[in-house]
């Protein structure tokens, strides 16, 4: 059986999304920079929001990426332990929704 992309719950291994059963739309990309922040995109309300994040530039050892939260109105990010800027890692985020 041919299978496209599958995204699984890391705790249970259950399949959450498959591209053969859901349609996706990528809405954009952005970099978090090194400070807490958010973007607003009302198009996320058209389905279930998703995002994928990867290091922006050097992902040096000991650096801490932000916690990212997606809702139907936007995406926010923060560093929960509030580390000094020198220990924060900026990430590039691609986001959209699936139906």
PDB file of N, CA and C in Angstrom:
ATOM      1  N   UNK A   1       0.843  -1.167   0.000  1.00  0.00           N
ATOM      2  CA  UNK A   1       0.000   0.000   0.000  1.00  0.00           C
ATOM      3  C   UNK A   1       0.893   1.237   0.000  1.00  0.00           C
ATOM      4  N   UNK A   2       0.698   2.134  -0.952  1.00  0.00           N
ATOM      5  CA  UNK A   2       1.468   3.374  -1.016  1.00  0.00           C
ATOM      6  C   UNK A   2       0.952   4.354   0.028  1.00  0.00           C
ATOM      7  N   UNK A   3       1.879   5.024   0.668  1.00  0.00           N
ATOM      8  CA  UNK A   3       1.518   5.971   1.716  1.00  0.00           C
ATOM      9  C   UNK A   3       2.279   7.266   1.488  1.00  0.00           C
ATOM     10  N   UNK A   4       1.581   8.389   1.649  1.00  0.00           N
ATOM     11  CA  UNK A   4       2.241   9.688   1.603  1.00  0.00           C
ATOM     12  C   UNK A   4       2.829   9.994   2.966  1.00  0.00           C
ATOM     13  N   UNK A   5       2.932  11.255   3.281  1.00  0.00           N
ATOM     14  CA  UNK A   5       3.452  11.685   4.565  1.00  0.00           C
ATOM     15  C   UNK A   5       2.515  11.273   5.684  1.00  0.00           C
ATOM     16  N   UNK A   6       3.076  10.740   6.771  1.00  0.00           N
ATOM     17  CA  UNK A   6       2.307  10.407   7.971  1.00  0.00           C
ATOM     18  C   UNK A   6       2.922  11.136   9.153  1.00  0.00           C
ATOM     19  N   UNK A   7       2.083  11.763   9.962  1.00  0.00           N
ATOM     20  CA  UNK A   7       2.532  12.403  11.188  1.00  0.00           C
ATOM     21  C   UNK A   7       1.903  11.645  12.333  1.00  0.00           C
ATOM     22  N   UNK A   8       2.761  11.198  13.265  1.00  0.00           N
ATOM     23  CA  UNK A   8       2.310  10.374  14.383  1.00  0.00           C
ATOM     24  C   UNK A   8       2.450  11.121  15.705  1.00  0.00           C
ATOM     25  N   UNK A   9       1.600  10.761  16.650  1.00  0.00           N
ATOM     26  CA  UNK A   9       1.706  11.270  18.011  1.00  0.00           C
ATOM     27  C   UNK A   9       2.966  10.672  18.612  1.00  0.00           C
ATOM     28  N   UNK A  10       3.916  11.514  19.097  1.00  0.00           N
ATOM     29  CA  UNK A  10       5.169  10.950  19.616  1.00  0.00           C
ATOM     30  C   UNK A  10       4.979  10.074  20.852  1.00  0.00           C
ATOM     31  N   UNK A  11       3.925  10.319  21.612  1.00  0.00           N
ATOM     32  CA  UNK A  11       3.720   9.543  22.836  1.00  0.00           C
ATOM     33  C   UNK A  11       3.078   8.189  22.558  1.00  0.00           C
ATOM     34  N   UNK A  12       2.103   8.154  21.635  1.00  0.00           N
ATOM     35  CA  UNK A  12       1.351   6.918  21.418  1.00  0.00           C
ATOM     36  C   UNK A  12       1.678   6.222  20.102  1.00  0.00           C
ATOM     37  N   UNK A  13       2.237   6.956  19.165  1.00  0.00           N
ATOM     38  CA  UNK A  13       2.498   6.380  17.850  1.00  0.00           C
ATOM     39  C   UNK A  13       1.287   6.382  16.942  1.00  0.00           C
ATOM     40  N   UNK A  14       0.149   6.886  17.430  1.00  0.00           N
ATOM     41  CA  UNK A  14      -1.067   6.929  16.617  1.00  0.00           C
ATOM     42  C   UNK A  14      -0.894   7.905  15.458  1.00  0.00           C
ATOM     43  N   UNK A  15      -1.433   7.531  14.288  1.00  0.00           N
ATOM     44  CA  UNK A  15      -1.368   8.405  13.120  1.00  0.00           C
ATOM     45  C   UNK A  15      -2.325   9.576  13.337  1.00  0.00           C
ATOM     46  N   UNK A  16      -1.793  10.804  13.254  1.00  0.00           N
ATOM     47  CA  UNK A  16      -2.607  11.999  13.426  1.00  0.00           C
ATOM     48  C   UNK A  16      -3.041  12.581  12.081  1.00  0.00           C
ATOM     49  N   UNK A  17      -2.117  12.611  11.131  1.00  0.00           N
ATOM     50  CA  UNK A  17      -2.385  13.201   9.819  1.00  0.00           C
ATOM     51  C   UNK A  17      -1.722  12.344   8.755  1.00  0.00           C
ATOM     52  N   UNK A  18      -2.427  12.121   7.659  1.00  0.00           N
ATOM     53  CA  UNK A  18      -1.813  11.520   6.481  1.00  0.00           C
ATOM     54  C   UNK A  18      -2.227  12.354   5.284  1.00  0.00           C
ATOM     55  N   UNK A  19      -1.307  12.540   4.360  1.00  0.00           N
ATOM     56  CA  UNK A  19      -1.639  13.339   3.185  1.00  0.00           C
ATOM     57  C   UNK A  19      -2.516  12.587   2.195  1.00  0.00           C
ATOM     58  N   UNK A  20      -2.752  11.315   2.440  1.00  0.00           N
ATOM     59  CA  UNK A  20      -3.692  10.615   1.577  1.00  0.00           C
ATOM     60  C   UNK A  20      -5.117  10.690   2.129  1.00  0.00           C
ATOM     61  N   UNK A  21      -5.309  11.268   3.317  1.00  0.00           N
ATOM     62  CA  UNK A  21      -6.654  11.421   3.870  1.00  0.00           C
ATOM     63  C   UNK A  21      -6.994  12.871   4.201  1.00  0.00           C
ATOM     64  N   UNK A  22      -6.035  13.772   4.169  1.00  0.00           N
ATOM     65  CA  UNK A  22      -6.269  15.178   4.489  1.00  0.00           C
ATOM     66  C   UNK A  22      -5.664  16.065   3.411  1.00  0.00           C
ATOM     67  N   UNK A  23      -6.276  17.212   3.183  1.00  0.00           N
ATOM     68  CA  UNK A  23      -5.721  18.206   2.283  1.00  0.00           C
ATOM     69  C   UNK A  23      -5.051  19.282   3.120  1.00  0.00           C
ATOM     70  N   UNK A  24      -3.900  19.739   2.678  1.00  0.00           N
ATOM     71  CA  UNK A  24      -3.168  20.754   3.427  1.00  0.00           C
ATOM     72  C   UNK A  24      -2.992  22.004   2.574  1.00  0.00           C
ATOM     73  N   UNK A  25      -2.857  23.133   3.247  1.00  0.00           N
ATOM     74  CA  UNK A  25      -2.523  24.380   2.575  1.00  0.00           C
ATOM     75  C   UNK A  25      -1.470  25.102   3.411  1.00  0.00           C
ATOM     76  N   UNK A  26      -0.322  25.352   2.802  1.00  0.00           N
ATOM     77  CA  UNK A  26       0.729  26.113   3.460  1.00  0.00           C
ATOM     78  C   UNK A  26       0.402  27.589   3.274  1.00  0.00           C
ATOM     79  N   UNK A  27       0.382  28.326   4.389  1.00  0.00           N
ATOM     80  CA  UNK A  27       0.035  29.738   4.350  1.00  0.00           C
ATOM     81  C   UNK A  27       1.253  30.654   4.338  1.00  0.00           C
ATOM     82  N   UNK A  28       2.366  30.211   4.920  1.00  0.00           N
ATOM     83  CA  UNK A  28       3.522  31.083   4.933  1.00  0.00           C
ATOM     84  C   UNK A  28       4.675  30.543   5.742  1.00  0.00           C
ATOM     85  N   UNK A  29       5.719  31.351   5.820  1.00  0.00           N
ATOM     86  CA  UNK A  29       6.905  31.035   6.604  1.00  0.00           C
ATOM     87  C   UNK A  29       7.357  32.297   7.334  1.00  0.00           C
ATOM     88  N   UNK A  30       8.052  32.116   8.448  1.00  0.00           N
ATOM     89  CA  UNK A  30       8.623  33.235   9.190  1.00  0.00           C
ATOM     90  C   UNK A  30       9.730  32.708  10.091  1.00  0.00           C
ATOM     91  N   UNK A  31      10.539  33.625  10.597  1.00  0.00           N
ATOM     92  CA  UNK A  31      11.564  33.284  11.579  1.00  0.00           C
ATOM     93  C   UNK A  31      11.160  33.885  12.918  1.00  0.00           C
ATOM     94  N   UNK A  32      11.358  33.139  13.991  1.00  0.00           N
ATOM     95  CA  UNK A  32      10.966  33.624  15.312  1.00  0.00           C
ATOM     96  C   UNK A  32      11.884  34.717  15.827  1.00  0.00           C
ATOM     97  N   UNK A  33      13.108  34.808  15.316  1.00  0.00           N
ATOM     98  CA  UNK A  33      14.061  35.718  15.922  1.00  0.00           C
ATOM     99  C   UNK A  33      14.407  35.222  17.317  1.00  0.00           C
ATOM    100  N   UNK A  34      14.855  36.119  18.177  1.00  0.00           N
ATOM    101  CA  UNK A  34      15.324  35.711  19.501  1.00  0.00           C
ATOM    102  C   UNK A  34      14.462  36.241  20.644  1.00  0.00           C
ATOM    103  N   UNK A  35      13.273  36.771  20.317  1.00  0.00           N
ATOM    104  CA  UNK A  35      12.382  37.298  21.356  1.00  0.00           C
ATOM    105  C   UNK A  35      11.013  36.639  21.229  1.00  0.00           C
ATOM    106  N   UNK A  36      10.278  36.589  22.341  1.00  0.00           N
ATOM    107  CA  UNK A  36       8.915  36.054  22.318  1.00  0.00           C
ATOM    108  C   UNK A  36       8.090  36.862  21.320  1.00  0.00           C
ATOM    109  N   UNK A  37       7.126  36.209  20.670  1.00  0.00           N
ATOM    110  CA  UNK A  37       6.314  36.942  19.701  1.00  0.00           C
ATOM    111  C   UNK A  37       5.150  36.130  19.196  1.00  0.00           C
ATOM    112  N   UNK A  38       4.476  36.688  18.189  1.00  0.00           N
ATOM    113  CA  UNK A  38       3.331  36.006  17.586  1.00  0.00           C
ATOM    114  C   UNK A  38       3.042  36.607  16.217  1.00  0.00           C
ATOM    115  N   UNK A  39       2.319  35.851  15.415  1.00  0.00           N
ATOM    116  CA  UNK A  39       1.770  36.353  14.168  1.00  0.00           C
ATOM    117  C   UNK A  39       0.279  36.071  14.196  1.00  0.00           C
ATOM    118  N   UNK A  40      -0.482  36.862  13.486  1.00  0.00           N
ATOM    119  CA  UNK A  40      -1.925  36.652  13.364  1.00  0.00           C
ATOM    120  C   UNK A  40      -2.207  36.299  11.913  1.00  0.00           C
ATOM    121  N   UNK A  41      -2.947  35.214  11.698  1.00  0.00           N
ATOM    122  CA  UNK A  41      -3.371  34.823  10.357  1.00  0.00           C
ATOM    123  C   UNK A  41      -4.733  34.172  10.474  1.00  0.00           C
ATOM    124  N   UNK A  42      -5.772  34.906  10.142  1.00  0.00           N
ATOM    125  CA  UNK A  42      -7.140  34.412  10.236  1.00  0.00           C
ATOM    126  C   UNK A  42      -7.426  33.223   9.340  1.00  0.00           C
ATOM    127  N   UNK A  43      -6.582  32.993   8.333  1.00  0.00           N
ATOM    128  CA  UNK A  43      -6.783  31.838   7.450  1.00  0.00           C
ATOM    129  C   UNK A  43      -6.604  30.511   8.174  1.00  0.00           C
ATOM    130  N   UNK A  44      -5.933  30.521   9.329  1.00  0.00           N
ATOM    131  CA  UNK A  44      -5.768  29.286  10.093  1.00  0.00           C
ATOM    132  C   UNK A  44      -7.112  28.738  10.565  1.00  0.00           C
ATOM    133  N   UNK A  45      -8.146  29.570  10.604  1.00  0.00           N
ATOM    134  CA  UNK A  45      -9.479  29.137  11.031  1.00  0.00           C
ATOM    135  C   UNK A  45     -10.167  28.266   9.978  1.00  0.00           C
ATOM    136  N   UNK A  46      -9.572  28.144   8.780  1.00  0.00           N
ATOM    137  CA  UNK A  46     -10.176  27.347   7.708  1.00  0.00           C
ATOM    138  C   UNK A  46      -9.963  25.847   7.868  1.00  0.00           C
ATOM    139  N   UNK A  47      -9.257  25.437   8.899  1.00  0.00           N
ATOM    140  CA  UNK A  47      -8.990  24.014   9.136  1.00  0.00           C
ATOM    141  C   UNK A  47      -8.242  23.855  10.441  1.00  0.00           C
ATOM    142  N   UNK A  48      -7.537  22.754  10.574  1.00  0.00           N
ATOM    143  CA  UNK A  48      -6.732  22.494  11.762  1.00  0.00           C
ATOM    144  C   UNK A  48      -5.321  23.025  11.517  1.00  0.00           C
ATOM    145  N   UNK A  49      -4.857  23.991  12.340  1.00  0.00           N
ATOM    146  CA  UNK A  49      -3.529  24.562  12.127  1.00  0.00           C
ATOM    147  C   UNK A  49      -2.409  23.531  12.309  1.00  0.00           C
ATOM    148  N   UNK A  50      -1.338  23.716  11.527  1.00  0.00           N
ATOM    149  CA  UNK A  50      -0.130  22.918  11.713  1.00  0.00           C
ATOM    150  C   UNK A  50       1.073  23.821  11.501  1.00  0.00           C
ATOM    151  N   UNK A  51       2.220  23.381  11.989  1.00  0.00           N
ATOM    152  CA  UNK A  51       3.474  24.086  11.718  1.00  0.00           C
ATOM    153  C   UNK A  51       4.614  23.090  11.746  1.00  0.00           C
ATOM    154  N   UNK A  52       5.695  23.457  11.084  1.00  0.00           N
ATOM    155  CA  UNK A  52       6.939  22.689  11.118  1.00  0.00           C
ATOM    156  C   UNK A  52       8.052  23.692  11.361  1.00  0.00           C
ATOM    157  N   UNK A  53       8.937  23.393  12.291  1.00  0.00           N
ATOM    158  CA  UNK A  53      10.005  24.329  12.651  1.00  0.00           C
ATOM    159  C   UNK A  53      11.362  23.665  12.504  1.00  0.00           C
ATOM    160  N   UNK A  54      12.320  24.436  12.042  1.00  0.00           N
ATOM    161  CA  UNK A  54      13.697  23.967  11.921  1.00  0.00           C
ATOM    162  C   UNK A  54      14.649  25.083  12.305  1.00  0.00           C
ATOM    163  N   UNK A  55      15.884  24.763  12.633  1.00  0.00           N
ATOM    164  CA  UNK A  55      16.835  25.779  13.075  1.00  0.00           C
ATOM    165  C   UNK A  55      17.044  26.859  12.009  1.00  0.00           C
ATOM    166  N   UNK A  56      17.149  28.080  12.459  1.00  0.00           N
ATOM    167  CA  UNK A  56      17.447  29.204  11.581  1.00  0.00           C
ATOM    168  C   UNK A  56      18.931  29.515  11.747  1.00  0.00           C
ATOM    169  N   UNK A  57      19.724  29.106  10.782  1.00  0.00           N
ATOM    170  CA  UNK A  57      21.166  29.309  10.902  1.00  0.00           C
ATOM    171  C   UNK A  57      21.793  28.266  11.801  1.00  0.00           C
ATOM    172  N   UNK A  58      22.751  28.681  12.607  1.00  0.00           N
ATOM    173  CA  UNK A  58      23.517  27.778  13.463  1.00  0.00           C
ATOM    174  C   UNK A  58      22.677  27.289  14.638  1.00  0.00           C
ATOM    175  N   UNK A  59      22.558  25.995  14.781  1.00  0.00           N
ATOM    176  CA  UNK A  59      21.850  25.395  15.915  1.00  0.00           C
ATOM    177  C   UNK A  59      22.894  24.877  16.892  1.00  0.00           C
ATOM    178  N   UNK A  60      23.580  25.795  17.541  1.00  0.00           N
ATOM    179  CA  UNK A  60      24.689  25.400  18.405  1.00  0.00           C
ATOM    180  C   UNK A  60      24.216  24.593  19.603  1.00  0.00           C
ATOM    181  N   UNK A  61      25.092  23.747  20.070  1.00  0.00           N
ATOM    182  CA  UNK A  61      24.807  22.900  21.218  1.00  0.00           C
ATOM    183  C   UNK A  61      24.505  23.762  22.434  1.00  0.00           C
ATOM    184  N   UNK A  62      23.470  23.394  23.169  1.00  0.00           N
ATOM    185  CA  UNK A  62      23.103  24.130  24.364  1.00  0.00           C
ATOM    186  C   UNK A  62      22.106  25.233  24.116  1.00  0.00           C
ATOM    187  N   UNK A  63      21.833  25.550  22.843  1.00  0.00           N
ATOM    188  CA  UNK A  63      20.848  26.590  22.561  1.00  0.00           C
ATOM    189  C   UNK A  63      19.440  26.013  22.715  1.00  0.00           C
ATOM    190  N   UNK A  64      18.489  26.871  23.050  1.00  0.00           N
ATOM    191  CA  UNK A  64      17.132  26.433  23.378  1.00  0.00           C
ATOM    192  C   UNK A  64      16.155  26.997  22.357  1.00  0.00           C
ATOM    193  N   UNK A  65      15.411  26.122  21.653  1.00  0.00           N
ATOM    194  CA  UNK A  65      14.400  26.622  20.716  1.00  0.00           C
ATOM    195  C   UNK A  65      13.154  27.073  21.481  1.00  0.00           C
ATOM    196  N   UNK A  66      12.319  27.901  20.864  1.00  0.00           N
ATOM    197  CA  UNK A  66      11.112  28.357  21.551  1.00  0.00           C
ATOM    198  C   UNK A  66      10.031  27.280  21.573  1.00  0.00           C
ATOM    199  N   UNK A  67       9.090  27.443  22.486  1.00  0.00           N
ATOM    200  CA  UNK A  67       7.860  26.656  22.474  1.00  0.00           C
ATOM    201  C   UNK A  67       6.907  27.377  21.531  1.00  0.00           C
ATOM    202  N   UNK A  68       6.323  26.642  20.594  1.00  0.00           N
ATOM    203  CA  UNK A  68       5.449  27.235  19.582  1.00  0.00           C
ATOM    204  C   UNK A  68       4.043  26.686  19.768  1.00  0.00           C
ATOM    205  N   UNK A  69       3.049  27.571  19.707  1.00  0.00           N
ATOM    206  CA  UNK A  69       1.648  27.184  19.855  1.00  0.00           C
ATOM    207  C   UNK A  69       0.860  27.756  18.681  1.00  0.00           C
ATOM    208  N   UNK A  70       0.109  26.884  17.994  1.00  0.00           N
ATOM    209  CA  UNK A  70      -0.737  27.317  16.872  1.00  0.00           C
ATOM    210  C   UNK A  70      -2.203  27.237  17.287  1.00  0.00           C
ATOM    211  N   UNK A  71      -2.968  28.290  16.952  1.00  0.00           N
ATOM    212  CA  UNK A  71      -4.411  28.320  17.196  1.00  0.00           C
ATOM    213  C   UNK A  71      -5.101  28.718  15.894  1.00  0.00           C
ATOM    214  N   UNK A  72      -6.409  28.786  15.927  1.00  0.00           N
ATOM    215  CA  UNK A  72      -7.158  29.157  14.726  1.00  0.00           C
ATOM    216  C   UNK A  72      -6.987  30.631  14.356  1.00  0.00           C
ATOM    217  N   UNK A  73      -6.354  31.414  15.213  1.00  0.00           N
ATOM    218  CA  UNK A  73      -6.174  32.838  14.893  1.00  0.00           C
ATOM    219  C   UNK A  73      -4.716  33.235  14.671  1.00  0.00           C
ATOM    220  N   UNK A  74      -3.768  32.385  15.027  1.00  0.00           N
ATOM    221  CA  UNK A  74      -2.374  32.738  14.826  1.00  0.00           C
ATOM    222  C   UNK A  74      -1.419  31.766  15.478  1.00  0.00           C
ATOM    223  N   UNK A  75      -0.152  32.150  15.499  1.00  0.00           N
ATOM    224  CA  UNK A  75       0.905  31.320  16.061  1.00  0.00           C
ATOM    225  C   UNK A  75       1.735  32.183  17.003  1.00  0.00           C
ATOM    226  N   UNK A  76       2.030  31.645  18.177  1.00  0.00           N
ATOM    227  CA  UNK A  76       2.863  32.374  19.139  1.00  0.00           C
ATOM    228  C   UNK A  76       4.045  31.507  19.532  1.00  0.00           C
ATOM    229  N   UNK A  77       5.104  32.151  20.021  1.00  0.00           N
ATOM    230  CA  UNK A  77       6.287  31.430  20.462  1.00  0.00           C
ATOM    231  C   UNK A  77       6.903  32.147  21.654  1.00  0.00           C
ATOM    232  N   UNK A  78       7.515  31.355  22.514  1.00  0.00           N
ATOM    233  CA  UNK A  78       8.163  31.909  23.699  1.00  0.00           C
ATOM    234  C   UNK A  78       9.176  30.905  24.223  1.00  0.00           C
ATOM    235  N   UNK A  79      10.054  31.398  25.060  1.00  0.00           N
ATOM    236  CA  UNK A  79      11.026  30.565  25.735  1.00  0.00           C
ATOM    237  C   UNK A  79      10.552  30.430  27.169  1.00  0.00           C
ATOM    238  N   UNK A  80      10.034  29.249  27.564  1.00  0.00           N
ATOM    239  CA  UNK A  80       9.383  29.098  28.859  1.00  0.00           C
ATOM    240  C   UNK A  80      10.267  29.356  30.072  1.00  0.00           C
ATOM    241  N   UNK A  81      11.561  29.101  29.977  1.00  0.00           N
ATOM    242  CA  UNK A  81      12.430  29.317  31.125  1.00  0.00           C
ATOM    243  C   UNK A  81      13.111  30.676  31.066  1.00  0.00           C
ATOM    244  N   UNK A  82      12.761  31.475  30.048  1.00  0.00           N
ATOM    245  CA  UNK A  82      13.303  32.817  29.865  1.00  0.00           C
ATOM    246  C   UNK A  82      14.832  32.854  29.906  1.00  0.00           C
ATOM    247  N   UNK A  83      15.496  32.037  29.072  1.00  0.00           N
ATOM    248  CA  UNK A  83      16.962  32.055  29.070  1.00  0.00           C
ATOM    249  C   UNK A  83      17.481  33.358  28.466  1.00  0.00           C
ATOM    250  N   UNK A  84      18.716  33.672  28.753  1.00  0.00           N
ATOM    251  CA  UNK A  84      19.350  34.850  28.162  1.00  0.00           C
ATOM    252  C   UNK A  84      19.337  34.706  26.637  1.00  0.00           C
ATOM    253  N   UNK A  85      19.299  35.833  25.942  1.00  0.00           N
ATOM    254  CA  UNK A  85      19.233  35.811  24.481  1.00  0.00           C
ATOM    255  C   UNK A  85      20.345  34.964  23.883  1.00  0.00           C
ATOM    256  N   UNK A  86      21.521  34.949  24.476  1.00  0.00           N
ATOM    257  CA  UNK A  86      22.633  34.166  23.952  1.00  0.00           C
ATOM    258  C   UNK A  86      22.387  32.665  23.937  1.00  0.00           C
ATOM    259  N   UNK A  87      21.428  32.178  24.713  1.00  0.00           N
ATOM    260  CA  UNK A  87      21.121  30.753  24.751  1.00  0.00           C
ATOM    261  C   UNK A  87      19.869  30.407  23.947  1.00  0.00           C
ATOM    262  N   UNK A  88      19.190  31.402  23.409  1.00  0.00           N
ATOM    263  CA  UNK A  88      17.987  31.155  22.607  1.00  0.00           C
ATOM    264  C   UNK A  88      18.369  30.780  21.188  1.00  0.00           C
ATOM    265  N   UNK A  89      17.551  29.934  20.582  1.00  0.00           N
ATOM    266  CA  UNK A  89      17.757  29.533  19.195  1.00  0.00           C
ATOM    267  C   UNK A  89      16.567  30.006  18.372  1.00  0.00           C
ATOM    268  N   UNK A  90      16.817  30.819  17.367  1.00  0.00           N
ATOM    269  CA  UNK A  90      15.760  31.205  16.436  1.00  0.00           C
ATOM    270  C   UNK A  90      15.424  30.000  15.564  1.00  0.00           C
ATOM    271  N   UNK A  91      14.160  29.889  15.171  1.00  0.00           N
ATOM    272  CA  UNK A  91      13.752  28.819  14.266  1.00  0.00           C
ATOM    273  C   UNK A  91      12.964  29.408  13.109  1.00  0.00           C
ATOM    274  N   UNK A  92      13.051  28.737  11.963  1.00  0.00           N
ATOM    275  CA  UNK A  92      12.233  29.075  10.803  1.00  0.00           C
ATOM    276  C   UNK A  92      10.987  28.204  10.881  1.00  0.00           C
ATOM    277  N   UNK A  93       9.813  28.815  10.696  1.00  0.00           N
ATOM    278  CA  UNK A  93       8.549  28.113  10.833  1.00  0.00           C
ATOM    279  C   UNK A  93       7.779  28.184   9.517  1.00  0.00           C
ATOM    280  N   UNK A  94       7.311  27.038   9.064  1.00  0.00           N
ATOM    281  CA  UNK A  94       6.367  26.955   7.949  1.00  0.00           C
ATOM    282  C   UNK A  94       5.042  26.556   8.562  1.00  0.00           C
ATOM    283  N   UNK A  95       3.959  27.250   8.171  1.00  0.00           N
ATOM    284  CA  UNK A  95       2.675  26.969   8.821  1.00  0.00           C
ATOM    285  C   UNK A  95       1.532  26.975   7.809  1.00  0.00           C
ATOM    286  N   UNK A  96       0.440  26.365   8.225  1.00  0.00           N
ATOM    287  CA  UNK A  96      -0.749  26.307   7.390  1.00  0.00           C
ATOM    288  C   UNK A  96      -1.856  25.581   8.122  1.00  0.00           C
ATOM    289  N   UNK A  97      -2.774  25.001   7.353  1.00  0.00           N
ATOM    290  CA  UNK A  97      -3.871  24.238   7.957  1.00  0.00           C
ATOM    291  C   UNK A  97      -4.172  23.019   7.113  1.00  0.00           C
ATOM    292  N   UNK A  98      -4.842  22.060   7.725  1.00  0.00           N
ATOM    293  CA  UNK A  98      -5.304  20.868   7.000  1.00  0.00           C
ATOM    294  C   UNK A  98      -6.779  20.663   7.278  1.00  0.00           C
ATOM    295  N   UNK A  99      -7.440  20.034   6.328  1.00  0.00           N
ATOM    296  CA  UNK A  99      -8.877  19.748   6.474  1.00  0.00           C
ATOM    297  C   UNK A  99      -9.155  18.293   6.222  1.00  0.00           C
TER     298      UNK A  99
END
